[in-house]
N, C-alpha and C. Protein backbone atom coordinates (compact mmCIF):
# COMPACT_ATOMS: atom_id res chain seq x y z
N UNK A 1 -33.93 -37.13 -61.85
CA UNK A 1 -35.05 -38.03 -61.59
C UNK A 1 -35.49 -37.89 -60.13
N UNK A 2 -36.72 -37.98 -59.91
CA UNK A 2 -37.30 -37.85 -58.59
C UNK A 2 -37.69 -39.27 -58.08
N UNK A 3 -37.18 -39.65 -56.92
CA UNK A 3 -37.48 -40.93 -56.36
C UNK A 3 -38.36 -40.73 -55.11
N UNK A 4 -39.28 -41.62 -54.96
CA UNK A 4 -40.10 -41.59 -53.72
C UNK A 4 -39.33 -42.24 -52.60
N UNK A 5 -39.18 -41.60 -51.53
CA UNK A 5 -38.48 -42.13 -50.36
C UNK A 5 -39.53 -42.65 -49.40
N UNK A 6 -39.42 -43.95 -48.97
CA UNK A 6 -40.43 -44.45 -48.02
C UNK A 6 -40.38 -43.70 -46.72
N UNK A 7 -41.55 -43.38 -46.19
CA UNK A 7 -41.68 -42.69 -44.94
C UNK A 7 -42.26 -43.62 -43.88
N UNK A 8 -41.87 -43.42 -42.65
CA UNK A 8 -42.48 -44.16 -41.51
C UNK A 8 -42.28 -45.68 -41.70
N UNK A 9 -41.10 -46.11 -42.00
CA UNK A 9 -40.88 -47.56 -42.20
C UNK A 9 -40.79 -48.31 -40.91
N UNK A 10 -40.64 -47.59 -39.76
CA UNK A 10 -40.58 -48.24 -38.47
C UNK A 10 -41.93 -48.53 -37.87
N UNK A 11 -42.99 -48.05 -38.52
CA UNK A 11 -44.37 -48.25 -38.03
C UNK A 11 -44.92 -49.52 -38.70
N UNK A 12 -45.45 -50.44 -37.90
CA UNK A 12 -45.96 -51.69 -38.46
C UNK A 12 -47.31 -51.46 -39.06
N UNK A 13 -47.64 -52.28 -40.07
CA UNK A 13 -48.96 -52.16 -40.73
C UNK A 13 -50.04 -52.73 -39.89
N UNK A 14 -51.20 -52.06 -39.94
CA UNK A 14 -52.37 -52.56 -39.18
C UNK A 14 -53.06 -53.63 -40.05
N UNK A 15 -53.33 -54.72 -39.44
CA UNK A 15 -53.92 -55.86 -40.17
C UNK A 15 -55.42 -55.91 -39.93
N UNK A 16 -55.82 -56.01 -38.66
CA UNK A 16 -57.25 -56.09 -38.27
C UNK A 16 -57.54 -54.92 -37.33
N UNK A 17 -58.29 -53.96 -37.85
CA UNK A 17 -58.59 -52.76 -37.04
C UNK A 17 -57.36 -52.08 -36.62
N UNK A 18 -57.19 -51.80 -35.30
CA UNK A 18 -56.00 -51.14 -34.84
C UNK A 18 -54.86 -52.11 -34.45
N UNK A 19 -55.01 -53.41 -34.75
CA UNK A 19 -54.05 -54.37 -34.36
C UNK A 19 -53.02 -54.69 -35.48
N UNK A 20 -51.77 -54.84 -35.08
CA UNK A 20 -50.77 -55.23 -36.06
C UNK A 20 -50.74 -56.75 -36.10
N UNK A 21 -49.91 -57.31 -37.00
CA UNK A 21 -49.83 -58.74 -37.14
C UNK A 21 -49.22 -59.39 -35.88
N UNK A 22 -48.23 -58.78 -35.26
CA UNK A 22 -47.68 -59.34 -34.04
C UNK A 22 -48.67 -59.34 -32.90
N UNK A 23 -49.38 -58.26 -32.76
CA UNK A 23 -50.39 -58.16 -31.68
C UNK A 23 -51.48 -59.18 -31.90
N UNK A 24 -51.91 -59.32 -33.14
CA UNK A 24 -52.95 -60.33 -33.42
C UNK A 24 -52.41 -61.74 -33.16
N UNK A 25 -51.15 -61.97 -33.49
CA UNK A 25 -50.55 -63.28 -33.24
C UNK A 25 -50.46 -63.60 -31.73
N UNK A 26 -50.05 -62.61 -30.93
CA UNK A 26 -49.95 -62.86 -29.47
C UNK A 26 -51.34 -63.07 -28.86
N UNK A 27 -52.32 -62.34 -29.33
CA UNK A 27 -53.67 -62.53 -28.82
C UNK A 27 -54.25 -63.89 -29.22
N UNK A 28 -53.95 -64.30 -30.48
CA UNK A 28 -54.38 -65.61 -30.92
C UNK A 28 -53.73 -66.73 -30.15
N UNK A 29 -52.42 -66.55 -29.85
CA UNK A 29 -51.71 -67.56 -29.05
C UNK A 29 -52.29 -67.63 -27.62
N UNK A 30 -52.67 -66.49 -27.06
CA UNK A 30 -53.30 -66.49 -25.77
C UNK A 30 -54.65 -67.22 -25.80
N UNK A 31 -55.38 -67.00 -26.90
CA UNK A 31 -56.68 -67.68 -27.06
C UNK A 31 -56.52 -69.19 -27.15
N UNK A 32 -55.48 -69.62 -27.85
CA UNK A 32 -55.22 -71.06 -28.00
C UNK A 32 -54.84 -71.65 -26.62
N UNK A 33 -54.02 -70.90 -25.87
CA UNK A 33 -53.68 -71.39 -24.51
C UNK A 33 -54.89 -71.49 -23.64
N UNK A 34 -55.77 -70.50 -23.72
CA UNK A 34 -57.01 -70.57 -22.91
C UNK A 34 -57.90 -71.69 -23.35
N UNK A 35 -57.93 -72.01 -24.66
CA UNK A 35 -58.73 -73.13 -25.12
C UNK A 35 -58.17 -74.46 -24.61
N UNK A 36 -56.87 -74.57 -24.58
CA UNK A 36 -56.24 -75.81 -24.04
C UNK A 36 -56.51 -75.90 -22.54
N UNK A 37 -56.41 -74.76 -21.83
CA UNK A 37 -56.70 -74.81 -20.37
C UNK A 37 -58.16 -75.15 -20.09
N UNK A 38 -59.05 -74.69 -20.97
CA UNK A 38 -60.49 -74.99 -20.80
C UNK A 38 -60.77 -76.47 -20.91
N UNK A 39 -60.03 -77.14 -21.78
CA UNK A 39 -60.22 -78.60 -21.97
C UNK A 39 -59.55 -79.41 -20.87
N UNK A 40 -58.54 -78.84 -20.21
CA UNK A 40 -57.80 -79.60 -19.22
C UNK A 40 -58.29 -79.33 -17.81
N UNK A 41 -58.57 -78.09 -17.42
CA UNK A 41 -58.89 -77.72 -16.06
C UNK A 41 -60.38 -77.69 -15.81
N UNK A 42 -60.78 -77.77 -14.54
CA UNK A 42 -62.18 -77.57 -14.19
C UNK A 42 -62.48 -76.05 -14.18
N UNK A 43 -63.72 -75.66 -13.94
CA UNK A 43 -64.13 -74.29 -14.13
C UNK A 43 -63.44 -73.32 -13.18
N UNK A 44 -63.30 -73.67 -11.91
CA UNK A 44 -62.67 -72.77 -10.93
C UNK A 44 -61.20 -72.53 -11.27
N UNK A 45 -60.49 -73.59 -11.58
CA UNK A 45 -59.08 -73.42 -11.91
C UNK A 45 -58.91 -72.70 -13.25
N UNK A 46 -59.85 -72.92 -14.16
CA UNK A 46 -59.77 -72.21 -15.47
C UNK A 46 -59.97 -70.71 -15.30
N UNK A 47 -60.91 -70.31 -14.42
CA UNK A 47 -61.15 -68.87 -14.21
C UNK A 47 -59.94 -68.21 -13.59
N UNK A 48 -59.33 -68.89 -12.62
CA UNK A 48 -58.09 -68.34 -12.01
C UNK A 48 -56.94 -68.25 -13.01
N UNK A 49 -56.76 -69.31 -13.78
CA UNK A 49 -55.65 -69.28 -14.75
C UNK A 49 -55.88 -68.35 -15.89
N UNK A 50 -57.16 -68.02 -16.18
CA UNK A 50 -57.51 -67.08 -17.27
C UNK A 50 -56.88 -65.75 -17.00
N UNK A 51 -56.95 -65.28 -15.76
CA UNK A 51 -56.37 -63.94 -15.42
C UNK A 51 -54.86 -63.92 -15.68
N UNK A 52 -54.19 -64.98 -15.28
CA UNK A 52 -52.71 -65.02 -15.48
C UNK A 52 -52.35 -65.09 -16.95
N UNK A 53 -53.02 -65.98 -17.69
CA UNK A 53 -52.70 -66.14 -19.10
C UNK A 53 -53.05 -64.89 -19.87
N UNK A 54 -54.20 -64.28 -19.59
CA UNK A 54 -54.57 -63.08 -20.28
C UNK A 54 -53.62 -61.94 -19.95
N UNK A 55 -53.20 -61.81 -18.71
CA UNK A 55 -52.24 -60.78 -18.32
C UNK A 55 -50.90 -60.92 -19.09
N UNK A 56 -50.44 -62.17 -19.17
CA UNK A 56 -49.17 -62.42 -19.88
C UNK A 56 -49.30 -62.07 -21.35
N UNK A 57 -50.30 -62.59 -21.99
CA UNK A 57 -50.41 -62.41 -23.45
C UNK A 57 -50.80 -60.99 -23.85
N UNK A 58 -51.60 -60.34 -23.06
CA UNK A 58 -51.92 -58.92 -23.37
C UNK A 58 -50.65 -58.05 -23.18
N UNK A 59 -49.87 -58.41 -22.16
CA UNK A 59 -48.60 -57.69 -21.96
C UNK A 59 -47.68 -57.93 -23.13
N UNK A 60 -47.57 -59.16 -23.59
CA UNK A 60 -46.72 -59.44 -24.77
C UNK A 60 -47.18 -58.74 -26.01
N UNK A 61 -48.51 -58.58 -26.12
CA UNK A 61 -49.09 -57.93 -27.32
C UNK A 61 -48.95 -56.42 -27.30
N UNK A 62 -49.16 -55.76 -26.15
CA UNK A 62 -49.29 -54.35 -26.15
C UNK A 62 -48.25 -53.57 -25.34
N UNK A 63 -47.63 -54.17 -24.31
CA UNK A 63 -46.69 -53.43 -23.47
C UNK A 63 -45.35 -53.31 -24.12
N UNK A 64 -44.82 -52.07 -24.20
CA UNK A 64 -43.52 -51.82 -24.84
C UNK A 64 -42.64 -51.02 -23.89
N UNK A 65 -41.90 -51.68 -23.00
CA UNK A 65 -40.98 -50.93 -22.12
C UNK A 65 -39.79 -50.35 -22.90
N UNK A 66 -39.57 -49.07 -22.72
CA UNK A 66 -38.48 -48.35 -23.40
C UNK A 66 -38.54 -48.46 -24.95
N UNK A 67 -39.77 -48.55 -25.47
CA UNK A 67 -39.98 -48.59 -26.91
C UNK A 67 -39.62 -49.91 -27.57
N UNK A 68 -39.38 -50.95 -26.85
CA UNK A 68 -39.10 -52.25 -27.46
C UNK A 68 -40.18 -53.25 -27.01
N UNK A 69 -40.42 -54.25 -27.76
CA UNK A 69 -41.44 -55.23 -27.40
C UNK A 69 -41.07 -55.95 -26.09
N UNK A 70 -42.07 -56.40 -25.39
CA UNK A 70 -41.81 -57.08 -24.07
C UNK A 70 -41.03 -58.37 -24.26
N UNK A 71 -41.21 -59.06 -25.39
CA UNK A 71 -40.47 -60.32 -25.61
C UNK A 71 -38.98 -60.03 -25.76
N UNK A 72 -38.62 -58.86 -26.32
CA UNK A 72 -37.21 -58.49 -26.45
C UNK A 72 -36.63 -58.14 -25.07
N UNK A 73 -37.44 -57.46 -24.24
CA UNK A 73 -36.98 -57.12 -22.91
C UNK A 73 -36.81 -58.39 -22.02
N UNK A 74 -37.72 -59.36 -22.19
CA UNK A 74 -37.59 -60.62 -21.44
C UNK A 74 -36.36 -61.39 -21.92
N UNK A 75 -36.08 -61.37 -23.23
CA UNK A 75 -34.90 -62.02 -23.74
C UNK A 75 -33.62 -61.37 -23.22
N UNK A 76 -33.61 -60.04 -23.10
CA UNK A 76 -32.48 -59.33 -22.58
C UNK A 76 -32.24 -59.66 -21.10
N UNK A 77 -33.36 -59.79 -20.36
CA UNK A 77 -33.25 -60.13 -18.94
C UNK A 77 -32.68 -61.53 -18.77
N UNK A 78 -33.13 -62.45 -19.61
CA UNK A 78 -32.63 -63.82 -19.54
C UNK A 78 -31.11 -63.88 -19.89
N UNK A 79 -30.75 -63.15 -20.90
CA UNK A 79 -29.33 -63.13 -21.26
C UNK A 79 -28.49 -62.51 -20.16
N UNK A 80 -29.00 -61.44 -19.56
CA UNK A 80 -28.27 -60.78 -18.43
C UNK A 80 -28.03 -61.71 -17.30
N UNK A 81 -29.02 -62.49 -16.93
CA UNK A 81 -28.87 -63.36 -15.77
C UNK A 81 -28.11 -64.65 -16.10
N UNK A 82 -28.07 -65.02 -17.39
CA UNK A 82 -27.37 -66.25 -17.76
C UNK A 82 -25.86 -66.05 -18.01
N UNK A 83 -25.44 -64.83 -18.30
CA UNK A 83 -24.01 -64.56 -18.54
C UNK A 83 -23.32 -64.18 -17.28
N UNK A 84 -22.01 -64.39 -17.18
CA UNK A 84 -21.28 -63.95 -16.01
C UNK A 84 -21.23 -62.43 -15.91
N UNK A 85 -21.16 -61.92 -14.71
CA UNK A 85 -21.24 -60.47 -14.50
C UNK A 85 -19.85 -59.83 -14.70
N UNK A 86 -18.80 -60.59 -14.60
CA UNK A 86 -17.47 -60.05 -14.84
C UNK A 86 -17.01 -60.57 -16.20
N UNK A 87 -16.61 -59.65 -17.06
CA UNK A 87 -16.18 -60.06 -18.39
C UNK A 87 -14.77 -60.58 -18.30
N UNK A 88 -14.58 -61.77 -18.74
CA UNK A 88 -13.28 -62.40 -18.77
C UNK A 88 -12.90 -62.53 -20.24
N UNK A 89 -11.72 -61.98 -20.60
CA UNK A 89 -11.27 -62.04 -21.98
C UNK A 89 -10.85 -63.46 -22.31
N UNK A 90 -11.38 -63.91 -23.41
CA UNK A 90 -11.04 -65.27 -23.87
C UNK A 90 -10.33 -65.13 -25.22
N UNK A 91 -9.19 -65.68 -25.34
CA UNK A 91 -8.44 -65.63 -26.60
C UNK A 91 -9.08 -66.62 -27.60
N UNK A 92 -9.36 -66.10 -28.76
CA UNK A 92 -9.91 -66.96 -29.79
C UNK A 92 -8.78 -67.75 -30.42
N UNK A 93 -8.98 -69.02 -30.72
CA UNK A 93 -7.87 -69.82 -31.26
C UNK A 93 -7.56 -69.31 -32.70
N UNK A 94 -6.27 -69.25 -33.01
CA UNK A 94 -5.79 -68.82 -34.30
C UNK A 94 -5.86 -69.97 -35.25
N UNK A 95 -6.84 -69.98 -36.15
CA UNK A 95 -7.05 -71.11 -37.03
C UNK A 95 -6.05 -71.13 -38.17
N UNK A 96 -5.41 -70.05 -38.45
CA UNK A 96 -4.40 -70.02 -39.55
C UNK A 96 -3.18 -70.79 -39.15
N UNK A 97 -2.72 -70.63 -37.96
CA UNK A 97 -1.51 -71.26 -37.50
C UNK A 97 -1.74 -72.58 -36.75
N UNK A 98 -2.95 -73.10 -36.82
CA UNK A 98 -3.32 -74.25 -36.05
C UNK A 98 -2.64 -75.50 -36.56
N UNK A 99 -2.47 -75.59 -37.87
CA UNK A 99 -1.94 -76.79 -38.49
C UNK A 99 -0.51 -76.68 -39.04
N UNK A 100 0.15 -75.58 -38.69
CA UNK A 100 1.55 -75.39 -39.09
C UNK A 100 2.42 -76.21 -38.19
N UNK A 101 3.46 -76.80 -38.80
CA UNK A 101 4.45 -77.53 -37.99
C UNK A 101 5.54 -76.60 -37.59
N UNK A 102 5.80 -76.55 -36.33
CA UNK A 102 6.88 -75.68 -35.85
C UNK A 102 7.93 -76.51 -35.13
N UNK A 103 9.16 -76.09 -35.22
CA UNK A 103 10.23 -76.78 -34.53
C UNK A 103 10.29 -76.32 -33.11
N UNK A 104 10.49 -77.25 -32.23
CA UNK A 104 10.64 -76.92 -30.83
C UNK A 104 12.10 -76.96 -30.47
N UNK A 105 12.58 -75.85 -29.99
CA UNK A 105 14.03 -75.77 -29.67
C UNK A 105 14.15 -75.90 -28.17
N UNK A 106 14.86 -76.95 -27.76
CA UNK A 106 15.03 -77.21 -26.34
C UNK A 106 16.36 -76.65 -25.85
N UNK A 107 17.17 -76.17 -26.71
CA UNK A 107 18.47 -75.68 -26.29
C UNK A 107 18.30 -74.34 -25.59
N UNK A 108 18.92 -74.26 -24.44
CA UNK A 108 18.88 -73.02 -23.69
C UNK A 108 20.20 -72.26 -23.91
N UNK A 109 20.08 -71.10 -24.38
CA UNK A 109 21.32 -70.33 -24.61
C UNK A 109 21.78 -69.71 -23.30
N UNK A 110 23.02 -69.91 -23.01
CA UNK A 110 23.55 -69.41 -21.72
C UNK A 110 24.48 -68.23 -21.97
N UNK A 111 24.11 -67.40 -22.91
CA UNK A 111 24.92 -66.22 -23.20
C UNK A 111 24.47 -65.09 -22.29
N UNK A 112 25.33 -64.66 -21.47
CA UNK A 112 25.05 -63.53 -20.58
C UNK A 112 26.03 -62.41 -20.91
N UNK A 113 25.47 -61.25 -21.14
CA UNK A 113 26.31 -60.13 -21.41
C UNK A 113 26.29 -59.18 -20.24
N UNK A 114 27.44 -58.76 -19.81
CA UNK A 114 27.52 -57.84 -18.70
C UNK A 114 27.67 -56.40 -19.33
N UNK A 115 26.68 -55.63 -19.15
CA UNK A 115 26.73 -54.25 -19.65
C UNK A 115 27.20 -53.33 -18.57
N UNK A 116 28.26 -52.69 -18.82
CA UNK A 116 28.80 -51.71 -17.87
C UNK A 116 28.61 -50.32 -18.42
N UNK A 117 28.19 -49.44 -17.61
CA UNK A 117 28.00 -48.08 -17.97
C UNK A 117 29.10 -47.23 -17.33
N UNK A 118 29.74 -46.46 -18.20
CA UNK A 118 30.88 -45.66 -17.69
C UNK A 118 30.36 -44.43 -16.98
N UNK A 119 31.21 -43.84 -16.24
CA UNK A 119 30.87 -42.66 -15.44
C UNK A 119 30.53 -41.47 -16.36
N UNK A 120 31.19 -41.40 -17.48
CA UNK A 120 30.91 -40.30 -18.41
C UNK A 120 29.47 -40.41 -19.01
N UNK A 121 29.01 -41.63 -19.28
CA UNK A 121 27.70 -41.80 -19.83
C UNK A 121 26.63 -41.46 -18.77
N UNK A 122 26.93 -41.76 -17.53
CA UNK A 122 25.97 -41.42 -16.45
C UNK A 122 25.91 -39.89 -16.31
N UNK A 123 26.99 -39.18 -16.45
CA UNK A 123 27.02 -37.77 -16.35
C UNK A 123 26.24 -37.12 -17.50
N UNK A 124 26.40 -37.67 -18.70
CA UNK A 124 25.64 -37.17 -19.84
C UNK A 124 24.14 -37.32 -19.65
N UNK A 125 23.73 -38.47 -19.18
CA UNK A 125 22.29 -38.68 -18.93
C UNK A 125 21.78 -37.80 -17.84
N UNK A 126 22.59 -37.59 -16.77
CA UNK A 126 22.13 -36.71 -15.71
C UNK A 126 22.00 -35.29 -16.16
N UNK A 127 22.88 -34.84 -17.05
CA UNK A 127 22.77 -33.49 -17.62
C UNK A 127 21.54 -33.33 -18.50
N UNK A 128 21.16 -34.35 -19.18
CA UNK A 128 19.94 -34.32 -20.01
C UNK A 128 18.69 -34.25 -19.14
N UNK A 129 18.72 -34.93 -18.03
CA UNK A 129 17.58 -35.00 -17.15
C UNK A 129 17.50 -33.86 -16.13
N UNK A 130 18.56 -33.13 -16.06
CA UNK A 130 18.63 -32.09 -15.03
C UNK A 130 17.64 -30.96 -15.34
N UNK A 131 16.94 -30.52 -14.31
CA UNK A 131 15.98 -29.44 -14.44
C UNK A 131 16.66 -28.14 -14.08
N UNK A 132 16.46 -27.17 -14.93
CA UNK A 132 17.07 -25.88 -14.69
C UNK A 132 16.43 -25.22 -13.51
N UNK A 133 17.23 -24.69 -12.64
CA UNK A 133 16.71 -23.99 -11.46
C UNK A 133 16.62 -22.53 -11.74
N UNK A 134 15.58 -21.91 -11.27
CA UNK A 134 15.36 -20.45 -11.53
C UNK A 134 16.09 -19.61 -10.54
């Protein structure tokens, strides 16, 4: 049997002309922000803020640093600055043994063993470790 394998699945579909759904959404969000600023600000402040808002939303819609969307890059930057720079290992709690009852032994064993090594054993070990001289 012959199956059709989808090609170019990483390319987004064009919705309106050359714009994808995400690009159209970012531009629409920028338009809504400009509409809100138009109703709140006077004309001079609106014109100045239009450049900033348009720059931000056009960048979010079209700019792709290193092949990823700008919103992903901004999220990575935020995560980088919010996490500590030195990784500290944290032990995860063992949930299996969390509720087991264990006996606590307070007795201290005072058993000390004196291990003595004989001279013969030392000679055997030294012969094993000895390097042959040429």
